PDB file of N, CA and C in Angstrom:
ATOM      1  N   MET A   1       3.633   1.176  28.229  1.00  0.00           N
ATOM      2  CA  MET A   1       4.719   1.100  28.223  1.00  0.00           C
ATOM      3  C   MET A   1       5.267   1.426  27.611  1.00  0.00           C
ATOM      4  N   LEU A   2       6.290   1.977  26.976  1.00  0.00           N
ATOM      5  CA  LEU A   2       6.798   2.166  25.355  1.00  0.00           C
ATOM      6  C   LEU A   2       8.386   1.468  25.611  1.00  0.00           C
ATOM      7  N   GLU A   3       8.670   0.553  24.470  1.00  0.00           N
ATOM      8  CA  GLU A   3       9.884   0.328  24.626  1.00  0.00           C
ATOM      9  C   GLU A   3      10.666   1.057  23.510  1.00  0.00           C
ATOM     10  N   ILE A   4      11.650   1.080  23.590  1.00  0.00           N
ATOM     11  CA  ILE A   4      12.576   2.145  22.510  1.00  0.00           C
ATOM     12  C   ILE A   4      13.733   1.604  22.292  1.00  0.00           C
ATOM     13  N   GLU A   5      14.420   2.281  21.924  1.00  0.00           N
ATOM     14  CA  GLU A   5      15.785   2.096  21.731  1.00  0.00           C
ATOM     15  C   GLU A   5      16.947   2.856  21.764  1.00  0.00           C
ATOM     16  N   VAL A   6      18.142   3.123  22.413  1.00  0.00           N
ATOM     17  CA  VAL A   6      19.284   3.861  22.686  1.00  0.00           C
ATOM     18  C   VAL A   6      20.697   3.563  21.891  1.00  0.00           C
ATOM     19  N   VAL A   7      20.924   4.576  20.983  1.00  0.00           N
ATOM     20  CA  VAL A   7      22.088   3.791  20.445  1.00  0.00           C
ATOM     21  C   VAL A   7      23.157   5.116  20.380  1.00  0.00           C
ATOM     22  N   TYR A   8      24.555   4.609  20.231  1.00  0.00           N
ATOM     23  CA  TYR A   8      25.633   5.648  20.429  1.00  0.00           C
ATOM     24  C   TYR A   8      27.056   4.863  19.817  1.00  0.00           C
ATOM     25  N   GLY A   9      27.750   5.475  19.076  1.00  0.00           N
ATOM     26  CA  GLY A   9      29.042   4.787  19.297  1.00  0.00           C
ATOM     27  C   GLY A   9      30.136   5.474  18.549  1.00  0.00           C
ATOM     28  N   LEU A  10      30.843   5.131  18.630  1.00  0.00           N
ATOM     29  CA  LEU A  10      32.409   5.600  17.775  1.00  0.00           C
ATOM     30  C   LEU A  10      32.703   5.056  17.441  1.00  0.00           C
ATOM     31  N   PRO A  11      34.231   5.169  16.290  1.00  0.00           N
ATOM     32  CA  PRO A  11      34.154   4.279  14.948  1.00  0.00           C
ATOM     33  C   PRO A  11      34.761   2.846  15.662  1.00  0.00           C
ATOM     34  N   ASP A  12      35.320   2.734  16.902  1.00  0.00           N
ATOM     35  CA  ASP A  12      35.584   1.488  17.189  1.00  0.00           C
ATOM     36  C   ASP A  12      34.841   0.663  18.343  1.00  0.00           C
ATOM     37  N   ARG A  13      33.355   1.481  18.883  1.00  0.00           N
ATOM     38  CA  ARG A  13      33.029   0.808  19.777  1.00  0.00           C
ATOM     39  C   ARG A  13      31.141   1.341  19.743  1.00  0.00           C
ATOM     40  N   GLN A  14      30.584   0.185  19.705  1.00  0.00           N
ATOM     41  CA  GLN A  14      28.603   1.218  19.845  1.00  0.00           C
ATOM     42  C   GLN A  14      28.199   0.197  20.779  1.00  0.00           C
ATOM     43  N   VAL A  15      27.554   1.107  20.808  1.00  0.00           N
ATOM     44  CA  VAL A  15      26.247   0.040  21.791  1.00  0.00           C
ATOM     45  C   VAL A  15      24.578   0.906  22.096  1.00  0.00           C
ATOM     46  N   LEU A  16      23.751  -0.491  21.816  1.00  0.00           N
ATOM     47  CA  LEU A  16      22.411  -0.300  21.280  1.00  0.00           C
ATOM     48  C   LEU A  16      21.804  -0.825  23.170  1.00  0.00           C
ATOM     49  N   LYS A  17      21.174   0.445  23.318  1.00  0.00           N
ATOM     50  CA  LYS A  17      20.284  -0.656  24.875  1.00  0.00           C
ATOM     51  C   LYS A  17      18.807  -0.518  24.543  1.00  0.00           C
ATOM     52  N   THR A  18      18.239  -0.983  24.939  1.00  0.00           N
ATOM     53  CA  THR A  18      16.810  -1.133  24.413  1.00  0.00           C
ATOM     54  C   THR A  18      16.134  -0.997  26.184  1.00  0.00           C
ATOM     55  N   MET A  19      15.051   0.058  26.114  1.00  0.00           N
ATOM     56  CA  MET A  19      14.315   0.766  27.527  1.00  0.00           C
ATOM     57  C   MET A  19      13.170   0.242  27.228  1.00  0.00           C
ATOM     58  N   GLN A  20      12.525   0.122  28.434  1.00  0.00           N
ATOM     59  CA  GLN A  20      10.924   0.679  28.667  1.00  0.00           C
ATOM     60  C   GLN A  20      11.094   1.334  29.581  1.00  0.00           C
ATOM     61  N   LEU A  21       9.696   2.485  28.847  1.00  0.00           N
ATOM     62  CA  LEU A  21       9.721   4.089  29.385  1.00  0.00           C
ATOM     63  C   LEU A  21       8.449   3.972  29.563  1.00  0.00           C
ATOM     64  N   ALA A  22       7.916   5.010  30.652  1.00  0.00           N
ATOM     65  CA  ALA A  22       6.244   5.571  30.629  1.00  0.00           C
ATOM     66  C   ALA A  22       6.370   6.295  28.844  1.00  0.00           C
ATOM     67  N   GLU A  23       4.576   6.263  28.542  1.00  0.00           N
ATOM     68  CA  GLU A  23       4.245   6.823  27.427  1.00  0.00           C
ATOM     69  C   GLU A  23       4.448   8.276  27.780  1.00  0.00           C
ATOM     70  N   GLY A  24       5.011   9.786  26.875  1.00  0.00           N
ATOM     71  CA  GLY A  24       4.816  10.788  26.799  1.00  0.00           C
ATOM     72  C   GLY A  24       6.517  11.100  27.757  1.00  0.00           C
ATOM     73  N   THR A  25       7.298  10.024  27.759  1.00  0.00           N
ATOM     74  CA  THR A  25       8.673  10.420  27.858  1.00  0.00           C
ATOM     75  C   THR A  25       8.888  10.867  26.594  1.00  0.00           C
ATOM     76  N   THR A  26       9.937  12.167  26.986  1.00  0.00           N
ATOM     77  CA  THR A  26      10.828  13.058  25.630  1.00  0.00           C
ATOM     78  C   THR A  26      12.211  12.324  25.176  1.00  0.00           C
ATOM     79  N   VAL A  27      12.270  12.427  24.077  1.00  0.00           N
ATOM     80  CA  VAL A  27      13.491  12.207  23.770  1.00  0.00           C
ATOM     81  C   VAL A  27      14.589  12.205  24.657  1.00  0.00           C
ATOM     82  N   ARG A  28      14.808  13.559  25.604  1.00  0.00           N
ATOM     83  CA  ARG A  28      15.846  13.760  26.126  1.00  0.00           C
ATOM     84  C   ARG A  28      16.143  12.983  27.484  1.00  0.00           C
ATOM     85  N   ALA A  29      14.408  12.966  27.903  1.00  0.00           N
ATOM     86  CA  ALA A  29      14.785  12.011  28.952  1.00  0.00           C
ATOM     87  C   ALA A  29      15.150  10.715  29.168  1.00  0.00           C
ATOM     88  N   ALA A  30      14.420  10.133  27.799  1.00  0.00           N
ATOM     89  CA  ALA A  30      14.903   8.767  27.609  1.00  0.00           C
ATOM     90  C   ALA A  30      16.549   8.835  27.128  1.00  0.00           C
ATOM     91  N   ALA A  31      17.173   9.502  26.608  1.00  0.00           N
ATOM     92  CA  ALA A  31      18.258   9.457  26.646  1.00  0.00           C
ATOM     93  C   ALA A  31      19.501   9.356  27.946  1.00  0.00           C
ATOM     94  N   LEU A  32      18.798  10.888  28.577  1.00  0.00           N
ATOM     95  CA  LEU A  32      19.955  10.990  30.384  1.00  0.00           C
ATOM     96  C   LEU A  32      19.442   9.547  31.076  1.00  0.00           C
ATOM     97  N   GLN A  33      18.423   9.167  30.828  1.00  0.00           N
ATOM     98  CA  GLN A  33      17.958   7.166  31.479  1.00  0.00           C
ATOM     99  C   GLN A  33      18.804   6.474  30.684  1.00  0.00           C
ATOM    100  N   SER A  34      19.546   6.322  29.702  1.00  0.00           N
ATOM    101  CA  SER A  34      19.805   5.381  29.234  1.00  0.00           C
ATOM    102  C   SER A  34      21.715   4.476  30.290  1.00  0.00           C
ATOM    103  N   GLY A  35      22.141   5.712  30.637  1.00  0.00           N
ATOM    104  CA  GLY A  35      22.935   5.948  31.688  1.00  0.00           C
ATOM    105  C   GLY A  35      24.184   5.526  30.667  1.00  0.00           C
ATOM    106  N   LEU A  36      24.102   5.705  29.238  1.00  0.00           N
ATOM    107  CA  LEU A  36      25.035   5.864  28.304  1.00  0.00           C
ATOM    108  C   LEU A  36      26.715   6.494  28.371  1.00  0.00           C
ATOM    109  N   ASP A  37      26.222   7.672  29.202  1.00  0.00           N
ATOM    110  CA  ASP A  37      27.180   8.772  29.951  1.00  0.00           C
ATOM    111  C   ASP A  37      28.446   7.736  30.662  1.00  0.00           C
ATOM    112  N   GLY A  38      27.822   6.951  31.169  1.00  0.00           N
ATOM    113  CA  GLY A  38      28.552   5.920  32.244  1.00  0.00           C
ATOM    114  C   GLY A  38      29.680   4.493  31.416  1.00  0.00           C
ATOM    115  N   ILE A  39      28.807   4.539  30.234  1.00  0.00           N
ATOM    116  CA  ILE A  39      29.670   3.683  29.289  1.00  0.00           C
ATOM    117  C   ILE A  39      31.416   4.275  28.523  1.00  0.00           C
ATOM    118  N   PHE A  40      30.804   5.753  28.218  1.00  0.00           N
ATOM    119  CA  PHE A  40      31.334   6.530  27.259  1.00  0.00           C
ATOM    120  C   PHE A  40      31.891   7.676  27.992  1.00  0.00           C
ATOM    121  N   GLU A  41      33.032   7.716  28.942  1.00  0.00           N
ATOM    122  CA  GLU A  41      33.444   8.992  29.499  1.00  0.00           C
ATOM    123  C   GLU A  41      33.399  10.608  28.986  1.00  0.00           C
ATOM    124  N   ASP A  42      33.304  10.585  27.765  1.00  0.00           N
ATOM    125  CA  ASP A  42      32.985  11.980  27.212  1.00  0.00           C
ATOM    126  C   ASP A  42      32.160  12.248  26.647  1.00  0.00           C
ATOM    127  N   LEU A  43      31.017  11.097  26.795  1.00  0.00           N
ATOM    128  CA  LEU A  43      29.587  11.702  26.517  1.00  0.00           C
ATOM    129  C   LEU A  43      28.970  12.636  26.713  1.00  0.00           C
ATOM    130  N   ASN A  44      28.507  13.826  26.953  1.00  0.00           N
ATOM    131  CA  ASN A  44      27.432  14.601  27.757  1.00  0.00           C
ATOM    132  C   ASN A  44      26.110  14.611  26.882  1.00  0.00           C
ATOM    133  N   LEU A  45      25.158  13.737  27.445  1.00  0.00           N
ATOM    134  CA  LEU A  45      23.718  13.310  27.758  1.00  0.00           C
ATOM    135  C   LEU A  45      22.893  14.804  27.791  1.00  0.00           C
ATOM    136  N   HIS A  46      23.386  15.788  28.685  1.00  0.00           N
ATOM    137  CA  HIS A  46      23.065  17.018  28.975  1.00  0.00           C
ATOM    138  C   HIS A  46      22.722  17.493  27.344  1.00  0.00           C
ATOM    139  N   SER A  47      23.593  17.837  26.789  1.00  0.00           N
ATOM    140  CA  SER A  47      23.652  18.367  25.162  1.00  0.00           C
ATOM    141  C   SER A  47      24.528  17.734  24.095  1.00  0.00           C
ATOM    142  N   ALA A  48      24.473  16.173  23.665  1.00  0.00           N
ATOM    143  CA  ALA A  48      24.539  15.731  22.670  1.00  0.00           C
ATOM    144  C   ALA A  48      23.108  16.155  21.816  1.00  0.00           C
ATOM    145  N   PRO A  49      23.653  16.301  20.540  1.00  0.00           N
ATOM    146  CA  PRO A  49      22.425  16.234  19.805  1.00  0.00           C
ATOM    147  C   PRO A  49      21.760  15.065  19.510  1.00  0.00           C
ATOM    148  N   LEU A  50      20.656  14.919  19.417  1.00  0.00           N
ATOM    149  CA  LEU A  50      19.661  13.737  19.284  1.00  0.00           C
ATOM    150  C   LEU A  50      19.192  13.322  17.878  1.00  0.00           C
ATOM    151  N   GLY A  51      18.578  12.172  17.583  1.00  0.00           N
ATOM    152  CA  GLY A  51      17.718  12.419  16.396  1.00  0.00           C
ATOM    153  C   GLY A  51      16.897  10.887  16.748  1.00  0.00           C
ATOM    154  N   ILE A  52      15.648  10.609  15.923  1.00  0.00           N
ATOM    155  CA  ILE A  52      15.240   9.393  16.102  1.00  0.00           C
ATOM    156  C   ILE A  52      15.168   8.754  14.214  1.00  0.00           C
ATOM    157  N   PHE A  53      15.829   7.425  14.266  1.00  0.00           N
ATOM    158  CA  PHE A  53      15.858   6.922  13.220  1.00  0.00           C
ATOM    159  C   PHE A  53      16.494   7.756  11.785  1.00  0.00           C
ATOM    160  N   GLY A  54      17.204   8.602  12.402  1.00  0.00           N
ATOM    161  CA  GLY A  54      18.259   9.296  11.011  1.00  0.00           C
ATOM    162  C   GLY A  54      17.920  11.140  10.764  1.00  0.00           C
ATOM    163  N   LYS A  55      16.827  11.199  12.047  1.00  0.00           N
ATOM    164  CA  LYS A  55      16.525  12.628  11.546  1.00  0.00           C
ATOM    165  C   LYS A  55      16.520  13.329  13.291  1.00  0.00           C
ATOM    166  N   ALA A  56      17.371  14.571  12.871  1.00  0.00           N
ATOM    167  CA  ALA A  56      17.724  15.255  14.080  1.00  0.00           C
ATOM    168  C   ALA A  56      16.129  15.633  14.903  1.00  0.00           C
ATOM    169  N   VAL A  57      15.729  15.718  16.222  1.00  0.00           N
ATOM    170  CA  VAL A  57      14.755  16.324  17.092  1.00  0.00           C
ATOM    171  C   VAL A  57      14.847  16.646  17.712  1.00  0.00           C
ATOM    172  N   LYS A  58      14.137  17.676  18.398  1.00  0.00           N
ATOM    173  CA  LYS A  58      13.944  18.282  19.687  1.00  0.00           C
ATOM    174  C   LYS A  58      14.112  17.459  20.664  1.00  0.00           C
ATOM    175  N   ASP A  59      14.826  18.418  21.998  1.00  0.00           N
ATOM    176  CA  ASP A  59      15.043  17.278  23.128  1.00  0.00           C
ATOM    177  C   ASP A  59      13.258  17.611  23.948  1.00  0.00           C
ATOM    178  N   ASP A  60      12.309  17.860  22.981  1.00  0.00           N
ATOM    179  CA  ASP A  60      11.330  17.800  24.119  1.00  0.00           C
ATOM    180  C   ASP A  60       9.889  16.889  23.401  1.00  0.00           C
ATOM    181  N   THR A  61      10.409  16.147  22.221  1.00  0.00           N
ATOM    182  CA  THR A  61      10.123  15.401  21.600  1.00  0.00           C
ATOM    183  C   THR A  61       9.623  14.439  21.985  1.00  0.00           C
ATOM    184  N   PRO A  62       7.843  13.899  22.120  1.00  0.00           N
ATOM    185  CA  PRO A  62       8.005  12.698  22.499  1.00  0.00           C
ATOM    186  C   PRO A  62       7.951  11.313  21.869  1.00  0.00           C
ATOM    187  N   LEU A  63       8.316  10.496  22.582  1.00  0.00           N
ATOM    188  CA  LEU A  63       8.569   9.075  22.056  1.00  0.00           C
ATOM    189  C   LEU A  63       7.691   7.932  21.621  1.00  0.00           C
ATOM    190  N   ARG A  64       7.519   7.788  20.646  1.00  0.00           N
ATOM    191  CA  ARG A  64       6.242   6.333  20.183  1.00  0.00           C
ATOM    192  C   ARG A  64       6.888   5.250  20.608  1.00  0.00           C
ATOM    193  N   ASP A  65       6.383   4.503  20.712  1.00  0.00           N
ATOM    194  CA  ASP A  65       7.088   2.643  20.755  1.00  0.00           C
ATOM    195  C   ASP A  65       7.756   2.204  19.400  1.00  0.00           C
ATOM    196  N   GLY A  66       8.878   1.829  19.734  1.00  0.00           N
ATOM    197  CA  GLY A  66       9.138   1.422  18.800  1.00  0.00           C
ATOM    198  C   GLY A  66      10.703   2.851  18.210  1.00  0.00           C
ATOM    199  N   ASP A  67      10.730   3.447  18.783  1.00  0.00           N
ATOM    200  CA  ASP A  67      11.625   4.427  18.015  1.00  0.00           C
ATOM    201  C   ASP A  67      13.214   4.166  18.679  1.00  0.00           C
ATOM    202  N   ARG A  68      14.351   4.691  18.013  1.00  0.00           N
ATOM    203  CA  ARG A  68      15.443   4.413  18.147  1.00  0.00           C
ATOM    204  C   ARG A  68      16.059   5.131  18.264  1.00  0.00           C
ATOM    205  N   ILE A  69      15.911   5.990  19.241  1.00  0.00           N
ATOM    206  CA  ILE A  69      16.874   7.235  19.698  1.00  0.00           C
ATOM    207  C   ILE A  69      18.643   7.469  19.161  1.00  0.00           C
ATOM    208  N   GLU A  70      18.469   8.180  18.459  1.00  0.00           N
ATOM    209  CA  GLU A  70      20.242   8.345  18.256  1.00  0.00           C
ATOM    210  C   GLU A  70      21.428   9.375  18.821  1.00  0.00           C
ATOM    211  N   ILE A  71      22.114   8.886  19.010  1.00  0.00           N
ATOM    212  CA  ILE A  71      22.731  10.533  20.097  1.00  0.00           C
ATOM    213  C   ILE A  71      24.378  10.822  19.054  1.00  0.00           C
ATOM    214  N   TYR A  72      24.179  11.567  18.959  1.00  0.00           N
ATOM    215  CA  TYR A  72      24.954  12.111  17.542  1.00  0.00           C
ATOM    216  C   TYR A  72      26.392  12.794  18.198  1.00  0.00           C
ATOM    217  N   ARG A  73      27.450  12.399  17.778  1.00  0.00           N
ATOM    218  CA  ARG A  73      28.791  12.614  18.201  1.00  0.00           C
ATOM    219  C   ARG A  73      29.065  14.576  17.645  1.00  0.00           C
ATOM    220  N   PRO A  74      29.768  14.759  18.043  1.00  0.00           N
ATOM    221  CA  PRO A  74      29.835  16.666  17.418  1.00  0.00           C
ATOM    222  C   PRO A  74      30.795  16.276  16.353  1.00  0.00           C
ATOM    223  N   LEU A  75      30.399  16.963  15.131  1.00  0.00           N
ATOM    224  CA  LEU A  75      31.478  16.908  13.671  1.00  0.00           C
ATOM    225  C   LEU A  75      32.918  17.356  14.668  1.00  0.00           C
ATOM    226  N   GLN A  76      33.747  16.248  13.808  1.00  0.00           N
ATOM    227  CA  GLN A  76      35.082  16.944  13.838  1.00  0.00           C
ATOM    228  C   GLN A  76      35.744  17.864  12.960  1.00  0.00           C
ATOM    229  N   ALA A  77      35.261  17.991  11.791  1.00  0.00           N
ATOM    230  CA  ALA A  77      35.016  19.096  10.783  1.00  0.00           C
ATOM    231  C   ALA A  77      34.118  19.521  10.188  1.00  0.00           C
ATOM    232  N   ASP A  78      33.918  20.530   9.259  1.00  0.00           N
ATOM    233  CA  ASP A  78      32.952  21.003   8.667  1.00  0.00           C
ATOM    234  C   ASP A  78      32.889  20.377   7.459  1.00  0.00           C
ATOM    235  N   PRO A  79      31.863  19.712   7.084  1.00  0.00           N
ATOM    236  CA  PRO A  79      31.755  19.227   6.135  1.00  0.00           C
ATOM    237  C   PRO A  79      31.946  19.723   4.514  1.00  0.00           C
ATOM    238  N   LYS A  80      32.099  20.785   4.799  1.00  0.00           N
ATOM    239  CA  LYS A  80      32.055  21.960   3.070  1.00  0.00           C
ATOM    240  C   LYS A  80      34.167  22.012   3.020  1.00  0.00           C
ATOM    241  N   GLU A  81      34.127  21.954   3.999  1.00  0.00           N
ATOM    242  CA  GLU A  81      35.819  22.326   4.250  1.00  0.00           C
ATOM    243  C   GLU A  81      36.763  20.943   4.252  1.00  0.00           C
ATOM    244  N   ALA A  82      35.563  19.905   4.406  1.00  0.00           N
ATOM    245  CA  ALA A  82      36.477  18.777   4.438  1.00  0.00           C
ATOM    246  C   ALA A  82      36.332  18.475   3.064  1.00  0.00           C
ATOM    247  N   ARG A  83      35.092  18.677   2.267  1.00  0.00           N
ATOM    248  CA  ARG A  83      35.228  18.227   0.874  1.00  0.00           C
ATOM    249  C   ARG A  83      35.937  18.902   0.182  1.00  0.00           C
ATOM    250  N   ARG A  84      36.116  20.722   0.478  1.00  0.00           N
ATOM    251  CA  ARG A  84      37.072  20.913  -0.490  1.00  0.00           C
ATOM    252  C   ARG A  84      38.687  20.974  -0.166  1.00  0.00           C
ATOM    253  N   ARG A  85      39.264  20.531   0.804  1.00  0.00           N
ATOM    254  CA  ARG A  85      40.637  20.257   0.937  1.00  0.00           C
ATOM    255  C   ARG A  85      40.367  18.696   0.695  1.00  0.00           C
ATOM    256  N   ARG A  86      39.678  17.339   0.560  1.00  0.00           N
ATOM    257  CA  ARG A  86      39.798  15.852  -0.891  1.00  0.00           C
ATOM    258  C   ARG A  86      39.925  16.572  -2.019  1.00  0.00           C
ATOM    259  N   VAL A  87      39.025  17.790  -2.784  1.00  0.00           N
ATOM    260  CA  VAL A  87      38.976  18.184  -4.025  1.00  0.00           C
ATOM    261  C   VAL A  87      40.738  18.356  -4.248  1.00  0.00           C
ATOM    262  N   LEU A  88      40.882  19.615  -3.141  1.00  0.00           N
ATOM    263  CA  LEU A  88      42.507  20.030  -3.797  1.00  0.00           C
ATOM    264  C   LEU A  88      43.440  18.671  -3.672  1.00  0.00           C
ATOM    265  N   ASN A  89      43.046  18.038  -2.426  1.00  0.00           N
ATOM    266  CA  ASN A  89      44.403  16.996  -2.825  1.00  0.00           C
ATOM    267  C   ASN A  89      44.580  16.031  -4.006  1.00  0.00           C
ATOM    268  N   GLN A  90      43.065  15.969  -4.952  1.00  0.00           N
ATOM    269  CA  GLN A  90      43.133  14.922  -5.765  1.00  0.00           C
ATOM    270  C   GLN A  90      43.717  15.818  -6.995  1.00  0.00           C
ATOM    271  N   LYS A  91      43.651  17.126  -7.035  1.00  0.00           N
ATOM    272  CA  LYS A  91      44.456  17.767  -8.089  1.00  0.00           C
ATOM    273  C   LYS A  91      46.142  17.862  -7.700  1.00  0.00           C
ATOM    274  N   GLY A  92      46.313  17.769  -6.228  1.00  0.00           N
ATOM    275  CA  GLY A  92      47.705  18.185  -6.091  1.00  0.00           C
ATOM    276  C   GLY A  92      48.368  17.169  -6.014  1.00  0.00           C
TER     277      GLY A  92
END
């Protein structure tokens, strides 16, 4: 058995769940088993981007003992566009 963590957060609320799963479980399967979509109603565990310790991974990545799966939110704005707007606001 593997012991892993699954984490998801919003600006005002975060949840970290510890789980024990069978060896060979993939990152997507673990996310789906976490049940975090029952806590965060807008979370789609079938399509949300996933990572392990801050590094994006593919759905079929097998987990290792101690991994922390991070469920990422969609970007609210393109980072390049947001940076451009901040620079323009500083000049004006």
